[in-house]
Amino acid sequence: MKINLSGHHVEVTETVKLHVEEKFAKIASHFPSLISLDVTVTKERGEYEVEVRTNYEGVSVAAKGADPVMWPAIAAAKKKLDAALKHRKGQLKADLHSKPDVTAPEIAYEKVQEMNLEK
């Protein structure tokens, strides 16, 4: 999985790259169909915001984490992305299950026609 890391008002060092790759390695193993992640680290008003975007099975999935320290912000974004991907995976699995058929109205109509309602 390719990780595109960018910073806004933050210098992206080799240490930050390694930490991000380490954090998101587990997600790559759980969701092998992920091709890439776009990670943006922003610092505004003394708080770090980490936004992660990806496409999973035809749907855009995004997550944000914020904290005054960069490392917990990255961890929070990773946790939220993992939850969002699991939710999407559950939706896809639920669509595969067969749904019970509802009794068709024409059957009820046929039953009413067979009944002798005139007296």
N, C-alpha and C. Protein backbone atom coordinates (compact mmCIF):
# COMPACT_ATOMS: atom_id res chain seq x y z
N MET A 1 0.84 -1.16 0.00
CA MET A 1 0.00 0.00 0.00
C MET A 1 0.90 1.24 0.00
N LYS A 2 0.52 2.19 -0.85
CA LYS A 2 1.28 3.42 -0.96
C LYS A 2 0.68 4.48 -0.04
N ILE A 3 1.53 5.16 0.71
CA ILE A 3 1.08 6.22 1.60
C ILE A 3 1.64 7.55 1.09
N ASN A 4 0.74 8.45 0.71
CA ASN A 4 1.11 9.79 0.27
C ASN A 4 0.99 10.72 1.47
N LEU A 5 2.12 11.17 2.00
CA LEU A 5 2.14 11.98 3.21
C LEU A 5 2.49 13.41 2.84
N SER A 6 1.69 14.34 3.31
CA SER A 6 1.97 15.76 3.08
C SER A 6 1.74 16.53 4.36
N GLY A 7 2.38 17.68 4.46
CA GLY A 7 2.25 18.51 5.64
C GLY A 7 1.82 19.91 5.27
N HIS A 8 1.01 20.49 6.11
CA HIS A 8 0.56 21.87 5.93
C HIS A 8 0.95 22.62 7.20
N HIS A 9 1.91 23.51 7.09
CA HIS A 9 2.51 24.22 8.23
C HIS A 9 3.26 23.25 9.15
N VAL A 10 3.63 22.09 8.59
CA VAL A 10 4.38 21.08 9.35
C VAL A 10 5.46 20.52 8.42
N GLU A 11 6.65 20.38 8.95
CA GLU A 11 7.71 19.76 8.17
C GLU A 11 7.60 18.24 8.32
N VAL A 12 7.50 17.55 7.19
CA VAL A 12 7.37 16.10 7.21
C VAL A 12 8.77 15.51 7.18
N THR A 13 9.21 15.02 8.33
CA THR A 13 10.56 14.45 8.44
C THR A 13 10.51 12.94 8.22
N GLU A 14 11.67 12.35 8.19
CA GLU A 14 11.76 10.90 8.01
C GLU A 14 11.15 10.17 9.21
N THR A 15 11.28 10.73 10.40
CA THR A 15 10.69 10.13 11.60
C THR A 15 9.17 10.10 11.50
N VAL A 16 8.58 11.18 11.01
CA VAL A 16 7.13 11.23 10.85
C VAL A 16 6.69 10.20 9.81
N LYS A 17 7.42 10.10 8.71
CA LYS A 17 7.08 9.12 7.67
C LYS A 17 7.11 7.70 8.23
N LEU A 18 8.16 7.38 8.97
CA LEU A 18 8.27 6.04 9.54
C LEU A 18 7.15 5.76 10.53
N HIS A 19 6.80 6.75 11.35
CA HIS A 19 5.73 6.56 12.33
C HIS A 19 4.39 6.32 11.62
N VAL A 20 4.10 7.09 10.58
CA VAL A 20 2.85 6.93 9.84
C VAL A 20 2.80 5.56 9.17
N GLU A 21 3.90 5.16 8.54
CA GLU A 21 3.95 3.84 7.89
C GLU A 21 3.76 2.73 8.92
N GLU A 22 4.35 2.87 10.09
CA GLU A 22 4.21 1.87 11.14
C GLU A 22 2.76 1.78 11.63
N LYS A 23 2.13 2.93 11.83
CA LYS A 23 0.75 2.94 12.32
C LYS A 23 -0.23 2.34 11.32
N PHE A 24 -0.05 2.63 10.05
CA PHE A 24 -1.01 2.19 9.05
C PHE A 24 -0.65 0.84 8.41
N ALA A 25 0.41 0.19 8.86
CA ALA A 25 0.79 -1.12 8.34
C ALA A 25 -0.26 -2.18 8.68
N LYS A 26 -0.84 -2.09 9.86
CA LYS A 26 -1.84 -3.06 10.28
C LYS A 26 -3.10 -2.95 9.42
N ILE A 27 -3.48 -1.72 9.08
CA ILE A 27 -4.64 -1.51 8.21
C ILE A 27 -4.38 -2.13 6.84
N ALA A 28 -3.16 -2.01 6.36
CA ALA A 28 -2.81 -2.59 5.06
C ALA A 28 -2.96 -4.11 5.07
N SER A 29 -2.64 -4.74 6.20
CA SER A 29 -2.77 -6.20 6.26
C SER A 29 -4.23 -6.63 6.41
N HIS A 30 -5.06 -5.83 7.09
CA HIS A 30 -6.47 -6.18 7.27
C HIS A 30 -7.31 -5.90 6.01
N PHE A 31 -6.89 -4.93 5.24
CA PHE A 31 -7.64 -4.54 4.04
C PHE A 31 -6.68 -4.55 2.85
N PRO A 32 -6.38 -5.73 2.29
CA PRO A 32 -5.38 -5.82 1.23
C PRO A 32 -5.81 -5.15 -0.09
N SER A 33 -7.10 -4.86 -0.26
CA SER A 33 -7.52 -4.22 -1.49
C SER A 33 -7.28 -2.71 -1.50
N LEU A 34 -6.81 -2.16 -0.38
CA LEU A 34 -6.46 -0.74 -0.36
C LEU A 34 -5.20 -0.51 -1.19
N ILE A 35 -5.27 0.45 -2.06
CA ILE A 35 -4.13 0.74 -2.93
C ILE A 35 -3.27 1.85 -2.35
N SER A 36 -3.93 2.92 -1.88
CA SER A 36 -3.15 4.04 -1.36
C SER A 36 -3.92 4.79 -0.28
N LEU A 37 -3.17 5.50 0.53
CA LEU A 37 -3.71 6.39 1.56
C LEU A 37 -3.15 7.78 1.33
N ASP A 38 -3.98 8.79 1.47
CA ASP A 38 -3.53 10.17 1.42
C ASP A 38 -3.60 10.71 2.84
N VAL A 39 -2.45 11.00 3.43
CA VAL A 39 -2.38 11.48 4.80
C VAL A 39 -1.88 12.92 4.78
N THR A 40 -2.65 13.81 5.42
CA THR A 40 -2.27 15.22 5.51
C THR A 40 -2.17 15.61 6.97
N VAL A 41 -1.01 16.12 7.36
CA VAL A 41 -0.78 16.58 8.73
C VAL A 41 -0.80 18.11 8.69
N THR A 42 -1.67 18.71 9.48
CA THR A 42 -1.84 20.16 9.51
C THR A 42 -1.68 20.66 10.94
N LYS A 43 -1.04 21.82 11.08
CA LYS A 43 -0.96 22.44 12.41
C LYS A 43 -1.59 23.82 12.32
N GLU A 44 -2.67 24.00 13.07
CA GLU A 44 -3.35 25.28 13.13
C GLU A 44 -3.72 25.58 14.57
N ARG A 45 -3.43 26.80 15.00
CA ARG A 45 -3.77 27.26 16.35
C ARG A 45 -3.23 26.34 17.44
N GLY A 46 -2.02 25.82 17.24
CA GLY A 46 -1.39 24.99 18.26
C GLY A 46 -1.90 23.58 18.35
N GLU A 47 -2.72 23.14 17.38
CA GLU A 47 -3.25 21.78 17.41
C GLU A 47 -2.97 21.09 16.08
N TYR A 48 -2.57 19.84 16.17
CA TYR A 48 -2.31 19.05 14.97
C TYR A 48 -3.59 18.35 14.53
N GLU A 49 -3.85 18.40 13.24
CA GLU A 49 -4.96 17.65 12.65
C GLU A 49 -4.38 16.71 11.61
N VAL A 50 -4.76 15.47 11.68
CA VAL A 50 -4.31 14.47 10.72
C VAL A 50 -5.55 13.97 9.98
N GLU A 51 -5.55 14.14 8.67
CA GLU A 51 -6.67 13.69 7.85
C GLU A 51 -6.18 12.58 6.93
N VAL A 52 -6.95 11.50 6.90
CA VAL A 52 -6.60 10.34 6.09
C VAL A 52 -7.75 10.08 5.13
N ARG A 53 -7.43 9.94 3.84
CA ARG A 53 -8.44 9.65 2.81
C ARG A 53 -7.98 8.45 1.99
N THR A 54 -8.97 7.64 1.59
CA THR A 54 -8.69 6.50 0.73
C THR A 54 -9.96 6.09 0.01
N ASN A 55 -9.82 5.24 -0.97
CA ASN A 55 -10.96 4.63 -1.65
C ASN A 55 -10.97 3.15 -1.31
N TYR A 56 -12.13 2.67 -0.86
CA TYR A 56 -12.26 1.26 -0.49
C TYR A 56 -13.52 0.71 -1.14
N GLU A 57 -13.34 -0.23 -2.04
CA GLU A 57 -14.45 -0.89 -2.73
C GLU A 57 -15.40 0.12 -3.36
N GLY A 58 -14.84 1.13 -4.03
CA GLY A 58 -15.65 2.08 -4.76
C GLY A 58 -16.22 3.23 -3.95
N VAL A 59 -15.86 3.33 -2.67
CA VAL A 59 -16.39 4.40 -1.82
C VAL A 59 -15.22 5.15 -1.21
N SER A 60 -15.33 6.47 -1.18
CA SER A 60 -14.31 7.29 -0.55
C SER A 60 -14.51 7.25 0.96
N VAL A 61 -13.45 6.93 1.69
CA VAL A 61 -13.50 6.84 3.15
C VAL A 61 -12.48 7.83 3.70
N ALA A 62 -12.90 8.63 4.68
CA ALA A 62 -12.01 9.62 5.28
C ALA A 62 -12.14 9.59 6.80
N ALA A 63 -11.06 9.99 7.47
CA ALA A 63 -11.06 10.07 8.93
C ALA A 63 -10.13 11.20 9.36
N LYS A 64 -10.48 11.82 10.48
CA LYS A 64 -9.68 12.92 11.02
C LYS A 64 -9.37 12.67 12.48
N GLY A 65 -8.17 13.04 12.87
CA GLY A 65 -7.79 12.98 14.27
C GLY A 65 -7.12 14.29 14.65
N ALA A 66 -7.37 14.77 15.85
CA ALA A 66 -6.79 16.03 16.29
C ALA A 66 -6.27 15.90 17.72
N ASP A 67 -5.15 16.57 17.98
CA ASP A 67 -4.56 16.56 19.31
C ASP A 67 -3.48 17.65 19.35
N PRO A 68 -3.17 18.18 20.54
CA PRO A 68 -2.10 19.17 20.62
C PRO A 68 -0.72 18.58 20.29
N VAL A 69 -0.58 17.26 20.38
CA VAL A 69 0.67 16.58 20.05
C VAL A 69 0.44 15.76 18.78
N MET A 70 1.44 15.72 17.90
CA MET A 70 1.27 15.07 16.60
C MET A 70 1.04 13.56 16.71
N TRP A 71 1.76 12.86 17.54
CA TRP A 71 1.70 11.39 17.57
C TRP A 71 0.31 10.87 17.98
N PRO A 72 -0.32 11.41 19.02
CA PRO A 72 -1.68 10.96 19.34
C PRO A 72 -2.69 11.34 18.25
N ALA A 73 -2.45 12.43 17.53
CA ALA A 73 -3.35 12.81 16.43
C ALA A 73 -3.29 11.77 15.32
N ILE A 74 -2.09 11.27 15.03
CA ILE A 74 -1.94 10.22 14.01
C ILE A 74 -2.63 8.95 14.49
N ALA A 75 -2.46 8.61 15.75
CA ALA A 75 -3.10 7.40 16.30
C ALA A 75 -4.62 7.51 16.26
N ALA A 76 -5.16 8.70 16.57
CA ALA A 76 -6.61 8.89 16.55
C ALA A 76 -7.17 8.76 15.13
N ALA A 77 -6.46 9.32 14.16
CA ALA A 77 -6.90 9.21 12.76
C ALA A 77 -6.86 7.76 12.29
N LYS A 78 -5.84 7.03 12.70
CA LYS A 78 -5.72 5.61 12.34
C LYS A 78 -6.87 4.80 12.92
N LYS A 79 -7.20 5.08 14.17
CA LYS A 79 -8.28 4.36 14.84
C LYS A 79 -9.63 4.63 14.16
N LYS A 80 -9.88 5.89 13.81
CA LYS A 80 -11.13 6.24 13.15
C LYS A 80 -11.21 5.66 11.75
N LEU A 81 -10.08 5.65 11.02
CA LEU A 81 -10.07 5.06 9.68
C LEU A 81 -10.33 3.57 9.76
N ASP A 82 -9.73 2.90 10.72
CA ASP A 82 -9.94 1.47 10.90
C ASP A 82 -11.42 1.17 11.16
N ALA A 83 -12.05 1.97 12.02
CA ALA A 83 -13.48 1.78 12.32
C ALA A 83 -14.34 2.02 11.08
N ALA A 84 -14.02 3.04 10.31
CA ALA A 84 -14.80 3.35 9.10
C ALA A 84 -14.65 2.25 8.05
N LEU A 85 -13.45 1.71 7.91
CA LEU A 85 -13.24 0.62 6.94
C LEU A 85 -13.95 -0.65 7.39
N LYS A 86 -13.93 -0.95 8.68
CA LYS A 86 -14.65 -2.12 9.18
C LYS A 86 -16.15 -1.96 8.97
N HIS A 87 -16.66 -0.75 9.16
CA HIS A 87 -18.09 -0.49 8.93
C HIS A 87 -18.44 -0.73 7.47
N ARG A 88 -17.61 -0.22 6.57
CA ARG A 88 -17.87 -0.40 5.13
C ARG A 88 -17.77 -1.88 4.74
N LYS A 89 -16.82 -2.59 5.31
CA LYS A 89 -16.66 -4.01 5.02
C LYS A 89 -17.89 -4.79 5.50
N GLY A 90 -18.43 -4.40 6.66
CA GLY A 90 -19.64 -5.02 7.19
C GLY A 90 -20.83 -4.77 6.29
N GLN A 91 -20.93 -3.56 5.73
CA GLN A 91 -22.01 -3.25 4.80
C GLN A 91 -21.93 -4.13 3.56
N LEU A 92 -20.72 -4.32 3.05
CA LEU A 92 -20.55 -5.14 1.85
C LEU A 92 -20.89 -6.60 2.14
N LYS A 93 -20.51 -7.10 3.31
CA LYS A 93 -20.82 -8.49 3.68
C LYS A 93 -22.32 -8.66 3.88
N ALA A 94 -23.00 -7.66 4.45
CA ALA A 94 -24.44 -7.76 4.70
C ALA A 94 -25.21 -7.82 3.40
N ASP A 95 -24.72 -7.17 2.36
CA ASP A 95 -25.41 -7.19 1.08
C ASP A 95 -25.37 -8.57 0.44
N LEU A 96 -24.41 -9.41 0.84
CA LEU A 96 -24.29 -10.75 0.25
C LEU A 96 -25.29 -11.73 0.83
N HIS A 97 -25.77 -11.47 2.03
CA HIS A 97 -26.71 -12.38 2.67
C HIS A 97 -28.06 -12.31 1.99
N SER A 98 -28.75 -13.45 1.92
CA SER A 98 -30.07 -13.44 1.27
C SER A 98 -31.09 -12.84 2.21
N LYS A 99 -31.92 -12.03 1.66
CA LYS A 99 -32.97 -11.37 2.42
C LYS A 99 -34.25 -12.20 2.32
N PRO A 100 -35.09 -12.23 3.36
CA PRO A 100 -36.33 -13.00 3.28
C PRO A 100 -37.29 -12.35 2.29
N ASP A 101 -38.00 -13.18 1.56
CA ASP A 101 -38.96 -12.68 0.57
C ASP A 101 -40.25 -12.28 1.26
N VAL A 102 -40.82 -11.20 0.83
CA VAL A 102 -42.09 -10.73 1.35
C VAL A 102 -43.19 -11.40 0.55
N THR A 103 -44.28 -11.77 1.22
CA THR A 103 -45.39 -12.40 0.52
C THR A 103 -45.91 -11.45 -0.55
N ALA A 104 -46.01 -11.94 -1.75
CA ALA A 104 -46.43 -11.10 -2.86
C ALA A 104 -47.92 -10.78 -2.74
N PRO A 105 -48.35 -9.58 -3.08
CA PRO A 105 -49.75 -9.21 -2.95
C PRO A 105 -50.69 -10.03 -3.83
N GLU A 106 -50.19 -10.55 -4.97
CA GLU A 106 -51.08 -11.31 -5.83
C GLU A 106 -51.56 -12.60 -5.17
N ILE A 107 -50.80 -13.15 -4.25
CA ILE A 107 -51.24 -14.35 -3.54
C ILE A 107 -52.44 -14.00 -2.67
N ALA A 108 -52.35 -12.88 -1.97
CA ALA A 108 -53.47 -12.44 -1.14
C ALA A 108 -54.69 -12.16 -2.02
N TYR A 109 -54.48 -11.59 -3.17
CA TYR A 109 -55.57 -11.28 -4.09
C TYR A 109 -56.26 -12.57 -4.55
N GLU A 110 -55.47 -13.61 -4.85
CA GLU A 110 -56.05 -14.89 -5.27
C GLU A 110 -56.87 -15.52 -4.14
N LYS A 111 -56.43 -15.42 -2.91
CA LYS A 111 -57.16 -15.97 -1.77
C LYS A 111 -58.50 -15.27 -1.60
N VAL A 112 -58.50 -13.95 -1.77
CA VAL A 112 -59.74 -13.19 -1.63
C VAL A 112 -60.71 -13.60 -2.73
N GLN A 113 -60.26 -13.86 -3.93
CA GLN A 113 -61.12 -14.24 -5.05
C GLN A 113 -61.75 -15.61 -4.81
N GLU A 114 -61.01 -16.51 -4.15
CA GLU A 114 -61.54 -17.85 -3.86
C GLU A 114 -62.59 -17.82 -2.78
N MET A 115 -62.56 -16.85 -1.92
CA MET A 115 -63.53 -16.77 -0.83
C MET A 115 -64.90 -16.34 -1.35
N ASN A 116 -65.93 -16.89 -0.74
CA ASN A 116 -67.30 -16.52 -1.12
C ASN A 116 -67.74 -15.43 -0.18
N LEU A 117 -67.63 -14.17 -0.65
CA LEU A 117 -67.95 -13.03 0.20
C LEU A 117 -69.38 -12.56 0.04
N GLU A 118 -70.12 -13.09 -0.93
CA GLU A 118 -71.51 -12.68 -1.15
C GLU A 118 -72.42 -13.54 -0.29
N LYS A 119 -73.41 -12.96 0.34
CA LYS A 119 -74.36 -13.72 1.14
C LYS A 119 -75.73 -13.22 0.93
